[in-house]
Amino acid sequence: MISEPNWGPDGLVPVVVRDEADGRVLMVAYADAEALAATEATALLHFHSRSRGTLWRKGETSGNTLHVVDLALDCDGDAILATVRPAGPACHRGTRSCFDPEDTEDSEAAQAAQDAEAAAQPALPPPTEGATASQGFAWLEPLWQTIEDRRDRRPTGSYTVSLIDGGVDAVGRKVTEEATEVLIAAKDDAAAEAAGADRTPTRAALAGEAADLIYHALVLLAERGVPPAAPLEVLRSRHAG
């Protein structure tokens, strides 16, 4: 939790969002007191939409949430630096950052990974009416590439590197912790559903904890030198059986 910002005349403060993995600036938006409170309560980044005049959770429609690792005020207290773990592209155009042109190498790499994954999958029948929309799993390819890069290059200050350097026990403990937090978040959401309460915060919390679990499971695979393709092949063979 951070100290009370020096809100502007409109009750807002700018929020600069950067990726925890490498410090890349992803976007800039605005928060008011309600958005800051929602962010601190759920660990998912919320903003104030100036165009709609309402609270806005990043990823509430796209699923590309921003899980907050740290919030910090600048020296004057009139801007917030949010360090996050993104669950997908930060920009509505599908690029990693709002400061990337649409034809950046990141975008091309993500598309190439998506094309490669699609080519590797068995042919599926066309979707029927009411079929579930794509869940964007192809984005896990760039995430895995980032984790591999951190493991191989060992950049200073990287959270991923600190986990891998701790060995299998350090990463394994985090996987266990995150799995427990997923269960707690799911039970909180179930309780909210049973009580007929607003499930927006509990669903957001569950999504955030599940994102942490997936990330740490991938880091554990990287530490052991096991590619994610291995468990995916197990799932594929089980499904085929």
Foldseek 3Di string as FASTA:
>chain_A
DDDQFPADPVQKAKEFEAELQPRHTADIAIAHPVQVVLCVLQQWHWHQDPVVRHIGTQCPPPVFIWRFPDWDAPPRRRYIYTHTHTPAARDPLRHNHPPDDCPDPRNVVLVVLVVVVVVPDDDDDDDDPPDDDDPPPSNVVVVLVSLLCCCVVVDPPGPLSVQLVVPLVSLVVQLVVLVVQLVVLVVVLVVCVVVVHDSVSSVSNNSSSVVSNVSSVSSSCSSVVHHPVVVVVVVVVVVVD
